[in-house]
Amino acid sequence: MGYSFWIRLDSKNDVGRVMGFTGSILYEEYFLDILEQYEITELNLVTVEINGKTYPSSKLDSIFAKLEN
């Protein structure tokens, strides 16, 4: 078992309100499940923080590509 990553995701819902998710994940599959459950897409993603560091959403292109398949 590896170490968990703390993530913070802010995304806009269908009416434009910013919603947030904070949690820890161990595996990429968990991250994919969170994106799907909260209906987070590249288009509505506002901010991404992993272990307290901000990342551009473009760094997650490969993750979103997996959701589309």
Protein backbone atom coordinates (compact mmCIF):
# COMPACT_ATOMS: atom_id res chain seq x y z
CA MET A 1 0.00 0.00 0.00
CA GLY A 2 1.32 3.41 -0.95
CA TYR A 3 0.93 6.80 0.63
CA SER A 4 -2.24 8.77 0.15
CA PHE A 5 -2.43 12.08 -1.69
CA TRP A 6 -4.51 14.95 -0.35
CA ILE A 7 -6.51 16.58 -3.10
CA ARG A 8 -8.65 19.69 -3.32
CA LEU A 9 -10.86 20.17 -6.37
CA ASP A 10 -13.01 23.22 -7.07
CA SER A 11 -15.44 23.04 -9.96
CA LYS A 12 -18.45 24.98 -11.21
CA ASN A 13 -21.81 23.28 -11.15
CA ASP A 14 -24.48 23.68 -13.83
CA VAL A 15 -25.58 27.07 -12.46
CA GLY A 16 -22.04 28.44 -12.14
CA ARG A 17 -21.61 28.04 -8.39
CA VAL A 18 -18.16 26.87 -7.30
CA MET A 19 -18.29 23.58 -5.40
CA GLY A 20 -15.35 21.97 -3.63
CA PHE A 21 -14.11 18.50 -2.76
CA THR A 22 -11.29 17.75 -0.33
CA GLY A 23 -10.12 14.24 0.42
CA SER A 24 -7.33 11.73 0.26
CA ILE A 25 -6.81 9.12 -2.42
CA LEU A 26 -4.54 6.12 -2.69
CA TYR A 27 -5.05 5.07 -6.28
CA GLU A 28 -5.86 6.65 -9.61
CA GLU A 29 -9.10 4.64 -9.73
CA TYR A 30 -10.32 6.49 -6.62
CA PHE A 31 -9.56 9.80 -8.30
CA LEU A 32 -11.49 8.77 -11.42
CA ASP A 33 -14.44 7.74 -9.24
CA ILE A 34 -14.46 11.15 -7.52
CA LEU A 35 -14.40 12.99 -10.85
CA GLU A 36 -17.27 10.89 -12.13
CA GLN A 37 -19.33 11.03 -8.92
CA TYR A 38 -19.10 14.82 -8.64
CA GLU A 39 -19.44 15.29 -12.43
CA ILE A 40 -16.15 17.16 -12.67
CA THR A 41 -14.91 17.74 -16.20
CA GLU A 42 -12.03 19.67 -17.72
CA LEU A 43 -14.47 22.42 -18.65
CA ASN A 44 -15.91 23.01 -15.19
CA LEU A 45 -12.73 22.43 -13.15
CA VAL A 46 -11.54 25.65 -11.52
CA THR A 47 -8.61 24.65 -9.28
CA VAL A 48 -6.63 21.51 -8.49
CA GLU A 49 -4.41 21.10 -5.44
CA ILE A 50 -2.47 17.95 -4.70
CA ASN A 51 -0.66 17.77 -1.36
CA GLY A 52 -1.05 21.53 -1.01
CA LYS A 53 0.43 22.43 -4.42
CA THR A 54 -1.67 24.02 -7.14
CA TYR A 55 -1.64 22.29 -10.53
CA PRO A 56 -3.03 23.52 -13.84
CA SER A 57 -5.96 21.40 -15.01
CA SER A 58 -4.01 20.74 -18.23
CA LYS A 59 -1.76 18.42 -16.18
CA LEU A 60 -4.81 16.18 -15.79
CA ASP A 61 -5.43 15.70 -19.53
CA SER A 62 -4.53 12.00 -19.39
CA ILE A 63 -6.88 11.44 -16.43
CA PHE A 64 -9.82 13.04 -18.24
CA ALA A 65 -8.99 11.01 -21.36
CA LYS A 66 -9.44 7.84 -19.27
CA LEU A 67 -12.89 9.03 -18.16
CA GLU A 68 -13.97 9.47 -21.77
CA ASN A 69 -13.05 5.87 -22.66
